[in-house]
Amino acid sequence: MILEVANLTIISGQEDEFEKAFRLASKIISRMNGYIRHELQRCIEHDNQYVLLVWWQTLADHEIGFRQSLEYQEWKKLLHHFYDPFPTVLHYQGVKDE
């Protein structure tokens, strides 16, 4: 399992519109192959800061299956104009206990 982590900075004053658009975008991502679940968390100290966590079965499910899909074009149209700056996205995997 892979965890995608995106730190999102939203243009100040557009937080409510972003959250409405994100609810629509959630329906898109949740239908993708390899999608497990996601969470959007809003920062307490800075209203325009969010973190998006998305769990995928594989890295390819996100990088190829989602990002190279027609559905991603709709995701971009709904959300990308809210970001300033554009977010950095990193991927993580669990560390095994031995």
PDB file of N, CA and C in Angstrom:
ATOM      1  N   MET A   1       0.840  -1.171   0.000  1.00  0.00           N
ATOM      2  CA  MET A   1       0.000   0.000   0.000  1.00  0.00           C
ATOM      3  C   MET A   1       0.891   1.242   0.000  1.00  0.00           C
ATOM      4  N   ILE A   2       0.473   2.261  -0.732  1.00  0.00           N
ATOM      5  CA  ILE A   2       1.206   3.511  -0.880  1.00  0.00           C
ATOM      6  C   ILE A   2       0.350   4.646  -0.331  1.00  0.00           C
ATOM      7  N   LEU A   3       0.994   5.553   0.406  1.00  0.00           N
ATOM      8  CA  LEU A   3       0.314   6.745   0.903  1.00  0.00           C
ATOM      9  C   LEU A   3       0.825   7.953   0.132  1.00  0.00           C
ATOM     10  N   GLU A   4      -0.066   8.623  -0.552  1.00  0.00           N
ATOM     11  CA  GLU A   4       0.229   9.883  -1.243  1.00  0.00           C
ATOM     12  C   GLU A   4      -0.046  11.015  -0.259  1.00  0.00           C
ATOM     13  N   VAL A   5       0.907  11.932  -0.125  1.00  0.00           N
ATOM     14  CA  VAL A   5       0.753  13.076   0.776  1.00  0.00           C
ATOM     15  C   VAL A   5       0.964  14.348  -0.034  1.00  0.00           C
ATOM     16  N   ALA A   6      -0.048  15.209  -0.050  1.00  0.00           N
ATOM     17  CA  ALA A   6       0.034  16.487  -0.749  1.00  0.00           C
ATOM     18  C   ALA A   6      -0.259  17.605   0.238  1.00  0.00           C
ATOM     19  N   ASN A   7       0.697  18.511   0.397  1.00  0.00           N
ATOM     20  CA  ASN A   7       0.491  19.700   1.216  1.00  0.00           C
ATOM     21  C   ASN A   7      -0.070  20.782   0.315  1.00  0.00           C
ATOM     22  N   LEU A   8      -1.278  21.240   0.637  1.00  0.00           N
ATOM     23  CA  LEU A   8      -2.003  22.169  -0.221  1.00  0.00           C
ATOM     24  C   LEU A   8      -2.093  23.546   0.426  1.00  0.00           C
ATOM     25  N   THR A   9      -1.693  24.563  -0.296  1.00  0.00           N
ATOM     26  CA  THR A   9      -1.899  25.949   0.116  1.00  0.00           C
ATOM     27  C   THR A   9      -2.932  26.538  -0.832  1.00  0.00           C
ATOM     28  N   ILE A  10      -4.051  26.957  -0.261  1.00  0.00           N
ATOM     29  CA  ILE A  10      -5.164  27.490  -1.033  1.00  0.00           C
ATOM     30  C   ILE A  10      -5.102  29.016  -1.006  1.00  0.00           C
ATOM     31  N   ILE A  11      -5.445  29.654  -2.099  1.00  0.00           N
ATOM     32  CA  ILE A  11      -5.479  31.112  -2.144  1.00  0.00           C
ATOM     33  C   ILE A  11      -6.414  31.603  -1.037  1.00  0.00           C
ATOM     34  N   SER A  12      -5.909  32.504  -0.203  1.00  0.00           N
ATOM     35  CA  SER A  12      -6.693  33.001   0.937  1.00  0.00           C
ATOM     36  C   SER A  12      -8.039  33.554   0.475  1.00  0.00           C
ATOM     37  N   GLY A  13      -9.069  33.204   1.230  1.00  0.00           N
ATOM     38  CA  GLY A  13     -10.420  33.636   0.910  1.00  0.00           C
ATOM     39  C   GLY A  13     -11.184  32.678   0.024  1.00  0.00           C
ATOM     40  N   GLN A  14     -10.510  31.654  -0.501  1.00  0.00           N
ATOM     41  CA  GLN A  14     -11.171  30.701  -1.388  1.00  0.00           C
ATOM     42  C   GLN A  14     -11.342  29.324  -0.738  1.00  0.00           C
ATOM     43  N   GLU A  15     -11.170  29.253   0.577  1.00  0.00           N
ATOM     44  CA  GLU A  15     -11.226  27.960   1.274  1.00  0.00           C
ATOM     45  C   GLU A  15     -12.590  27.286   1.133  1.00  0.00           C
ATOM     46  N   ASP A  16     -13.676  28.038   1.302  1.00  0.00           N
ATOM     47  CA  ASP A  16     -15.014  27.433   1.203  1.00  0.00           C
ATOM     48  C   ASP A  16     -15.276  26.896  -0.201  1.00  0.00           C
ATOM     49  N   GLU A  17     -14.886  27.670  -1.217  1.00  0.00           N
ATOM     50  CA  GLU A  17     -15.076  27.222  -2.595  1.00  0.00           C
ATOM     51  C   GLU A  17     -14.227  25.991  -2.892  1.00  0.00           C
ATOM     52  N   PHE A  18     -13.003  25.978  -2.355  1.00  0.00           N
ATOM     53  CA  PHE A  18     -12.140  24.818  -2.526  1.00  0.00           C
ATOM     54  C   PHE A  18     -12.783  23.577  -1.915  1.00  0.00           C
ATOM     55  N   GLU A  19     -13.281  23.695  -0.700  1.00  0.00           N
ATOM     56  CA  GLU A  19     -13.884  22.534  -0.033  1.00  0.00           C
ATOM     57  C   GLU A  19     -15.108  22.028  -0.789  1.00  0.00           C
ATOM     58  N   LYS A  20     -15.893  22.919  -1.350  1.00  0.00           N
ATOM     59  CA  LYS A  20     -17.045  22.488  -2.169  1.00  0.00           C
ATOM     60  C   LYS A  20     -16.572  21.738  -3.411  1.00  0.00           C
ATOM     61  N   ALA A  21     -15.553  22.293  -4.073  1.00  0.00           N
ATOM     62  CA  ALA A  21     -15.014  21.639  -5.270  1.00  0.00           C
ATOM     63  C   ALA A  21     -14.381  20.304  -4.909  1.00  0.00           C
ATOM     64  N   PHE A  22     -13.737  20.244  -3.748  1.00  0.00           N
ATOM     65  CA  PHE A  22     -13.103  18.998  -3.342  1.00  0.00           C
ATOM     66  C   PHE A  22     -14.135  17.892  -3.117  1.00  0.00           C
ATOM     67  N   ARG A  23     -15.291  18.254  -2.599  1.00  0.00           N
ATOM     68  CA  ARG A  23     -16.346  17.238  -2.419  1.00  0.00           C
ATOM     69  C   ARG A  23     -16.729  16.616  -3.762  1.00  0.00           C
ATOM     70  N   LEU A  24     -16.782  17.422  -4.805  1.00  0.00           N
ATOM     71  CA  LEU A  24     -17.059  16.889  -6.147  1.00  0.00           C
ATOM     72  C   LEU A  24     -15.889  16.051  -6.645  1.00  0.00           C
ATOM     73  N   ALA A  25     -14.676  16.552  -6.452  1.00  0.00           N
ATOM     74  CA  ALA A  25     -13.476  15.837  -6.906  1.00  0.00           C
ATOM     75  C   ALA A  25     -13.311  14.501  -6.183  1.00  0.00           C
ATOM     76  N   SER A  26     -13.765  14.430  -4.942  1.00  0.00           N
ATOM     77  CA  SER A  26     -13.669  13.175  -4.173  1.00  0.00           C
ATOM     78  C   SER A  26     -14.394  12.036  -4.862  1.00  0.00           C
ATOM     79  N   LYS A  27     -15.484  12.368  -5.519  1.00  0.00           N
ATOM     80  CA  LYS A  27     -16.246  11.339  -6.233  1.00  0.00           C
ATOM     81  C   LYS A  27     -15.457  10.791  -7.418  1.00  0.00           C
ATOM     82  N   ILE A  28     -14.622  11.641  -8.000  1.00  0.00           N
ATOM     83  CA  ILE A  28     -13.799  11.223  -9.130  1.00  0.00           C
ATOM     84  C   ILE A  28     -12.717  10.257  -8.671  1.00  0.00           C
ATOM     85  N   ILE A  29     -11.953  10.668  -7.682  1.00  0.00           N
ATOM     86  CA  ILE A  29     -10.803   9.861  -7.250  1.00  0.00           C
ATOM     87  C   ILE A  29     -11.244   8.533  -6.636  1.00  0.00           C
ATOM     88  N   SER A  30     -12.373   8.549  -5.954  1.00  0.00           N
ATOM     89  CA  SER A  30     -12.815   7.334  -5.260  1.00  0.00           C
ATOM     90  C   SER A  30     -13.253   6.224  -6.212  1.00  0.00           C
ATOM     91  N   ARG A  31     -13.429   6.557  -7.492  1.00  0.00           N
ATOM     92  CA  ARG A  31     -13.811   5.547  -8.495  1.00  0.00           C
ATOM     93  C   ARG A  31     -12.617   4.957  -9.231  1.00  0.00           C
ATOM     94  N   MET A  32     -11.415   5.434  -8.936  1.00  0.00           N
ATOM     95  CA  MET A  32     -10.234   5.014  -9.691  1.00  0.00           C
ATOM     96  C   MET A  32      -9.740   3.639  -9.252  1.00  0.00           C
ATOM     97  N   ASN A  33      -9.190   2.895 -10.200  1.00  0.00           N
ATOM     98  CA  ASN A  33      -8.592   1.600  -9.877  1.00  0.00           C
ATOM     99  C   ASN A  33      -7.431   1.795  -8.914  1.00  0.00           C
ATOM    100  N   GLY A  34      -7.357   0.958  -7.918  1.00  0.00           N
ATOM    101  CA  GLY A  34      -6.275   1.010  -6.954  1.00  0.00           C
ATOM    102  C   GLY A  34      -6.496   1.971  -5.805  1.00  0.00           C
ATOM    103  N   TYR A  35      -7.531   2.787  -5.884  1.00  0.00           N
ATOM    104  CA  TYR A  35      -7.859   3.716  -4.802  1.00  0.00           C
ATOM    105  C   TYR A  35      -8.337   2.924  -3.579  1.00  0.00           C
ATOM    106  N   ILE A  36      -7.853   3.300  -2.407  1.00  0.00           N
ATOM    107  CA  ILE A  36      -8.306   2.662  -1.174  1.00  0.00           C
ATOM    108  C   ILE A  36      -9.167   3.629  -0.364  1.00  0.00           C
ATOM    109  N   ARG A  37      -8.589   4.801  -0.027  1.00  0.00           N
ATOM    110  CA  ARG A  37      -9.353   5.811   0.708  1.00  0.00           C
ATOM    111  C   ARG A  37      -8.568   7.121   0.704  1.00  0.00           C
ATOM    112  N   HIS A  38      -9.218   8.179   1.166  1.00  0.00           N
ATOM    113  CA  HIS A  38      -8.524   9.462   1.267  1.00  0.00           C
ATOM    114  C   HIS A  38      -9.071  10.277   2.434  1.00  0.00           C
ATOM    115  N   GLU A  39      -8.270  11.254   2.848  1.00  0.00           N
ATOM    116  CA  GLU A  39      -8.667  12.211   3.884  1.00  0.00           C
ATOM    117  C   GLU A  39      -8.146  13.580   3.476  1.00  0.00           C
ATOM    118  N   LEU A  40      -8.946  14.601   3.722  1.00  0.00           N
ATOM    119  CA  LEU A  40      -8.504  15.980   3.577  1.00  0.00           C
ATOM    120  C   LEU A  40      -8.567  16.603   4.965  1.00  0.00           C
ATOM    121  N   GLN A  41      -7.432  17.119   5.425  1.00  0.00           N
ATOM    122  CA  GLN A  41      -7.344  17.730   6.752  1.00  0.00           C
ATOM    123  C   GLN A  41      -7.016  19.213   6.586  1.00  0.00           C
ATOM    124  N   ARG A  42      -7.719  20.063   7.360  1.00  0.00           N
ATOM    125  CA  ARG A  42      -7.470  21.510   7.321  1.00  0.00           C
ATOM    126  C   ARG A  42      -6.647  21.913   8.532  1.00  0.00           C
ATOM    127  N   CYS A  43      -5.654  22.751   8.313  1.00  0.00           N
ATOM    128  CA  CYS A  43      -4.768  23.209   9.374  1.00  0.00           C
ATOM    129  C   CYS A  43      -5.518  24.125  10.339  1.00  0.00           C
ATOM    130  N   ILE A  44      -5.287  23.941  11.608  1.00  0.00           N
ATOM    131  CA  ILE A  44      -5.916  24.768  12.639  1.00  0.00           C
ATOM    132  C   ILE A  44      -5.277  26.158  12.688  1.00  0.00           C
ATOM    133  N   GLU A  45      -3.964  26.206  12.585  1.00  0.00           N
ATOM    134  CA  GLU A  45      -3.248  27.480  12.716  1.00  0.00           C
ATOM    135  C   GLU A  45      -3.344  28.370  11.477  1.00  0.00           C
ATOM    136  N   HIS A  46      -3.457  27.767  10.290  1.00  0.00           N
ATOM    137  CA  HIS A  46      -3.487  28.521   9.025  1.00  0.00           C
ATOM    138  C   HIS A  46      -4.660  28.010   8.195  1.00  0.00           C
ATOM    139  N   ASP A  47      -5.738  28.788   8.138  1.00  0.00           N
ATOM    140  CA  ASP A  47      -6.977  28.366   7.484  1.00  0.00           C
ATOM    141  C   ASP A  47      -6.814  27.921   6.033  1.00  0.00           C
ATOM    142  N   ASN A  48      -5.809  28.441   5.355  1.00  0.00           N
ATOM    143  CA  ASN A  48      -5.679  28.112   3.935  1.00  0.00           C
ATOM    144  C   ASN A  48      -4.701  26.965   3.671  1.00  0.00           C
ATOM    145  N   GLN A  49      -4.292  26.253   4.713  1.00  0.00           N
ATOM    146  CA  GLN A  49      -3.378  25.117   4.579  1.00  0.00           C
ATOM    147  C   GLN A  49      -4.149  23.807   4.803  1.00  0.00           C
ATOM    148  N   TYR A  50      -3.919  22.857   3.917  1.00  0.00           N
ATOM    149  CA  TYR A  50      -4.556  21.537   4.001  1.00  0.00           C
ATOM    150  C   TYR A  50      -3.505  20.472   3.746  1.00  0.00           C
ATOM    151  N   VAL A  51      -3.814  19.273   4.177  1.00  0.00           N
ATOM    152  CA  VAL A  51      -3.023  18.122   3.757  1.00  0.00           C
ATOM    153  C   VAL A  51      -4.013  17.088   3.195  1.00  0.00           C
ATOM    154  N   LEU A  52      -3.670  16.576   2.033  1.00  0.00           N
ATOM    155  CA  LEU A  52      -4.468  15.533   1.392  1.00  0.00           C
ATOM    156  C   LEU A  52      -3.700  14.232   1.507  1.00  0.00           C
ATOM    157  N   LEU A  53      -4.349  13.231   2.062  1.00  0.00           N
ATOM    158  CA  LEU A  53      -3.786  11.891   2.200  1.00  0.00           C
ATOM    159  C   LEU A  53      -4.620  10.946   1.351  1.00  0.00           C
ATOM    160  N   VAL A  54      -3.954  10.223   0.459  1.00  0.00           N
ATOM    161  CA  VAL A  54      -4.666   9.257  -0.383  1.00  0.00           C
ATOM    162  C   VAL A  54      -3.904   7.939  -0.326  1.00  0.00           C
ATOM    163  N   TRP A  55      -4.608   6.876   0.014  1.00  0.00           N
ATOM    164  CA  TRP A  55      -4.019   5.542   0.047  1.00  0.00           C
ATOM    165  C   TRP A  55      -4.348   4.836  -1.261  1.00  0.00           C
ATOM    166  N   TRP A  56      -3.295   4.305  -1.893  1.00  0.00           N
ATOM    167  CA  TRP A  56      -3.393   3.576  -3.160  1.00  0.00           C
ATOM    168  C   TRP A  56      -2.820   2.175  -2.975  1.00  0.00           C
ATOM    169  N   GLN A  57      -3.273   1.256  -3.804  1.00  0.00           N
ATOM    170  CA  GLN A  57      -2.709  -0.087  -3.755  1.00  0.00           C
ATOM    171  C   GLN A  57      -1.268  -0.088  -4.236  1.00  0.00           C
ATOM    172  N   THR A  58      -0.975   0.652  -5.320  1.00  0.00           N
ATOM    173  CA  THR A  58       0.386   0.722  -5.856  1.00  0.00           C
ATOM    174  C   THR A  58       0.696   2.156  -6.279  1.00  0.00           C
ATOM    175  N   LEU A  59       1.966   2.459  -6.427  1.00  0.00           N
ATOM    176  CA  LEU A  59       2.377   3.767  -6.927  1.00  0.00           C
ATOM    177  C   LEU A  59       1.858   3.993  -8.348  1.00  0.00           C
ATOM    178  N   ALA A  60       1.881   2.951  -9.148  1.00  0.00           N
ATOM    179  CA  ALA A  60       1.392   3.064 -10.525  1.00  0.00           C
ATOM    180  C   ALA A  60      -0.096   3.407 -10.582  1.00  0.00           C
ATOM    181  N   ASP A  61      -0.866   2.949  -9.612  1.00  0.00           N
ATOM    182  CA  ASP A  61      -2.292   3.303  -9.580  1.00  0.00           C
ATOM    183  C   ASP A  61      -2.480   4.817  -9.520  1.00  0.00           C
ATOM    184  N   HIS A  62      -1.596   5.491  -8.797  1.00  0.00           N
ATOM    185  CA  HIS A  62      -1.682   6.949  -8.727  1.00  0.00           C
ATOM    186  C   HIS A  62      -1.000   7.613  -9.918  1.00  0.00           C
ATOM    187  N   GLU A  63       0.265   7.283 -10.124  1.00  0.00           N
ATOM    188  CA  GLU A  63       1.080   7.987 -11.115  1.00  0.00           C
ATOM    189  C   GLU A  63       0.647   7.729 -12.560  1.00  0.00           C
ATOM    190  N   ILE A  64       0.185   6.545 -12.845  1.00  0.00           N
ATOM    191  CA  ILE A  64      -0.216   6.200 -14.207  1.00  0.00           C
ATOM    192  C   ILE A  64      -1.741   6.109 -14.301  1.00  0.00           C
ATOM    193  N   GLY A  65      -2.326   5.246 -13.480  1.00  0.00           N
ATOM    194  CA  GLY A  65      -3.760   5.005 -13.565  1.00  0.00           C
ATOM    195  C   GLY A  65      -4.606   6.252 -13.363  1.00  0.00           C
ATOM    196  N   PHE A  66      -4.237   7.080 -12.389  1.00  0.00           N
ATOM    197  CA  PHE A  66      -5.010   8.289 -12.134  1.00  0.00           C
ATOM    198  C   PHE A  66      -4.480   9.484 -12.918  1.00  0.00           C
ATOM    199  N   ARG A  67      -3.211   9.780 -12.785  1.00  0.00           N
ATOM    200  CA  ARG A  67      -2.666  11.007 -13.373  1.00  0.00           C
ATOM    201  C   ARG A  67      -2.668  11.006 -14.904  1.00  0.00           C
ATOM    202  N   GLN A  68      -2.750   9.851 -15.513  1.00  0.00           N
ATOM    203  CA  GLN A  68      -2.784   9.799 -16.972  1.00  0.00           C
ATOM    204  C   GLN A  68      -4.193   9.511 -17.511  1.00  0.00           C
ATOM    205  N   SER A  69      -5.186   9.683 -16.651  1.00  0.00           N
ATOM    206  CA  SER A  69      -6.565   9.362 -17.030  1.00  0.00           C
ATOM    207  C   SER A  69      -7.344  10.611 -17.444  1.00  0.00           C
ATOM    208  N   LEU A  70      -8.442  10.394 -18.124  1.00  0.00           N
ATOM    209  CA  LEU A  70      -9.368  11.489 -18.436  1.00  0.00           C
ATOM    210  C   LEU A  70      -9.976  12.057 -17.167  1.00  0.00           C
ATOM    211  N   GLU A  71     -10.181  11.211 -16.172  1.00  0.00           N
ATOM    212  CA  GLU A  71     -10.747  11.669 -14.902  1.00  0.00           C
ATOM    213  C   GLU A  71      -9.839  12.694 -14.219  1.00  0.00           C
ATOM    214  N   TYR A  72      -8.527  12.524 -14.387  1.00  0.00           N
ATOM    215  CA  TYR A  72      -7.594  13.480 -13.797  1.00  0.00           C
ATOM    216  C   TYR A  72      -7.758  14.866 -14.419  1.00  0.00           C
ATOM    217  N   GLN A  73      -8.108  14.927 -15.677  1.00  0.00           N
ATOM    218  CA  GLN A  73      -8.341  16.225 -16.319  1.00  0.00           C
ATOM    219  C   GLN A  73      -9.503  16.955 -15.638  1.00  0.00           C
ATOM    220  N   GLU A  74     -10.525  16.230 -15.271  1.00  0.00           N
ATOM    221  CA  GLU A  74     -11.662  16.825 -14.551  1.00  0.00           C
ATOM    222  C   GLU A  74     -11.237  17.245 -13.140  1.00  0.00           C
ATOM    223  N   TRP A  75     -10.442  16.410 -12.464  1.00  0.00           N
ATOM    224  CA  TRP A  75      -9.884  16.735 -11.144  1.00  0.00           C
ATOM    225  C   TRP A  75      -9.113  18.058 -11.217  1.00  0.00           C
ATOM    226  N   LYS A  76      -8.246  18.169 -12.219  1.00  0.00           N
ATOM    227  CA  LYS A  76      -7.453  19.386 -12.398  1.00  0.00           C
ATOM    228  C   LYS A  76      -8.349  20.612 -12.597  1.00  0.00           C
ATOM    229  N   LYS A  77      -9.382  20.462 -13.424  1.00  0.00           N
ATOM    230  CA  LYS A  77     -10.279  21.577 -13.700  1.00  0.00           C
ATOM    231  C   LYS A  77     -10.995  22.036 -12.429  1.00  0.00           C
ATOM    232  N   LEU A  78     -11.349  21.087 -11.583  1.00  0.00           N
ATOM    233  CA  LEU A  78     -12.047  21.419 -10.337  1.00  0.00           C
ATOM    234  C   LEU A  78     -11.137  22.061  -9.298  1.00  0.00           C
ATOM    235  N   LEU A  79      -9.870  21.633  -9.210  1.00  0.00           N
ATOM    236  CA  LEU A  79      -9.054  21.986  -8.050  1.00  0.00           C
ATOM    237  C   LEU A  79      -7.807  22.825  -8.302  1.00  0.00           C
ATOM    238  N   HIS A  80      -7.148  22.657  -9.415  1.00  0.00           N
ATOM    239  CA  HIS A  80      -5.807  23.222  -9.555  1.00  0.00           C
ATOM    240  C   HIS A  80      -5.750  24.751  -9.511  1.00  0.00           C
ATOM    241  N   HIS A  81      -6.819  25.429  -9.843  1.00  0.00           N
ATOM    242  CA  HIS A  81      -6.797  26.891  -9.807  1.00  0.00           C
ATOM    243  C   HIS A  81      -6.842  27.459  -8.383  1.00  0.00           C
ATOM    244  N   PHE A  82      -7.069  26.623  -7.377  1.00  0.00           N
ATOM    245  CA  PHE A  82      -7.084  27.073  -5.981  1.00  0.00           C
ATOM    246  C   PHE A  82      -5.692  27.103  -5.357  1.00  0.00           C
ATOM    247  N   TYR A  83      -4.715  26.440  -5.944  1.00  0.00           N
ATOM    248  CA  TYR A  83      -3.404  26.261  -5.316  1.00  0.00           C
ATOM    249  C   TYR A  83      -2.455  27.426  -5.591  1.00  0.00           C
ATOM    250  N   ASP A  84      -1.787  27.888  -4.531  1.00  0.00           N
ATOM    251  CA  ASP A  84      -0.733  28.879  -4.669  1.00  0.00           C
ATOM    252  C   ASP A  84       0.212  28.775  -3.481  1.00  0.00           C
ATOM    253  N   PRO A  85       1.359  28.127  -3.672  1.00  0.00           N
ATOM    254  CA  PRO A  85       1.916  27.574  -4.900  1.00  0.00           C
ATOM    255  C   PRO A  85       1.335  26.189  -5.199  1.00  0.00           C
ATOM    256  N   PHE A  86       1.713  25.653  -6.360  1.00  0.00           N
ATOM    257  CA  PHE A  86       1.277  24.307  -6.711  1.00  0.00           C
ATOM    258  C   PHE A  86       1.887  23.320  -5.714  1.00  0.00           C
ATOM    259  N   PRO A  87       1.106  22.359  -5.242  1.00  0.00           N
ATOM    260  CA  PRO A  87       1.589  21.468  -4.171  1.00  0.00           C
ATOM    261  C   PRO A  87       2.667  20.481  -4.607  1.00  0.00           C
ATOM    262  N   THR A  88       3.476  20.135  -3.634  1.00  0.00           N
ATOM    263  CA  THR A  88       4.425  19.039  -3.776  1.00  0.00           C
ATOM    264  C   THR A  88       3.719  17.773  -3.312  1.00  0.00           C
ATOM    265  N   VAL A  89       3.847  16.716  -4.086  1.00  0.00           N
ATOM    266  CA  VAL A  89       3.226  15.434  -3.755  1.00  0.00           C
ATOM    267  C   VAL A  89       4.336  14.407  -3.567  1.00  0.00           C
ATOM    268  N   LEU A  90       4.304  13.730  -2.417  1.00  0.00           N
ATOM    269  CA  LEU A  90       5.270  12.671  -2.130  1.00  0.00           C
ATOM    270  C   LEU A  90       4.516  11.390  -1.814  1.00  0.00           C
ATOM    271  N   HIS A  91       5.205  10.264  -1.963  1.00  0.00           N
ATOM    272  CA  HIS A  91       4.604   8.948  -1.727  1.00  0.00           C
ATOM    273  C   HIS A  91       5.391   8.228  -0.630  1.00  0.00           C
ATOM    274  N   TYR A  92       4.670   7.512   0.214  1.00  0.00           N
ATOM    275  CA  TYR A  92       5.270   6.818   1.349  1.00  0.00           C
ATOM    276  C   TYR A  92       4.763   5.377   1.383  1.00  0.00           C
ATOM    277  N   GLN A  93       5.610   4.528   1.972  1.00  0.00           N
ATOM    278  CA  GLN A  93       5.173   3.151   2.229  1.00  0.00           C
ATOM    279  C   GLN A  93       5.559   2.786   3.650  1.00  0.00           C
ATOM    280  N   GLY A  94       4.831   1.864   4.215  1.00  0.00           N
ATOM    281  CA  GLY A  94       5.067   1.463   5.592  1.00  0.00           C
ATOM    282  C   GLY A  94       6.435   0.845   5.793  1.00  0.00           C
ATOM    283  N   VAL A  95       6.948   1.036   6.998  1.00  0.00           N
ATOM    284  CA  VAL A  95       8.227   0.440   7.398  1.00  0.00           C
ATOM    285  C   VAL A  95       7.891  -0.812   8.192  1.00  0.00           C
ATOM    286  N   LYS A  96       8.476  -1.918   7.796  1.00  0.00           N
ATOM    287  CA  LYS A  96       8.184  -3.203   8.438  1.00  0.00           C
ATOM    288  C   LYS A  96       8.887  -3.303   9.786  1.00  0.00           C
ATOM    289  N   ASP A  97       8.155  -3.785  10.763  1.00  0.00           N
ATOM    290  CA  ASP A  97       8.753  -4.105  12.060  1.00  0.00           C
ATOM    291  C   ASP A  97       9.453  -5.452  11.944  1.00  0.00           C
ATOM    292  N   GLU A  98      10.624  -5.553  12.537  1.00  0.00           N
ATOM    293  CA  GLU A  98      11.331  -6.838  12.481  1.00  0.00           C
ATOM    294  C   GLU A  98      11.565  -7.369  13.871  1.00  0.00           C
TER     295      GLU A  98
END
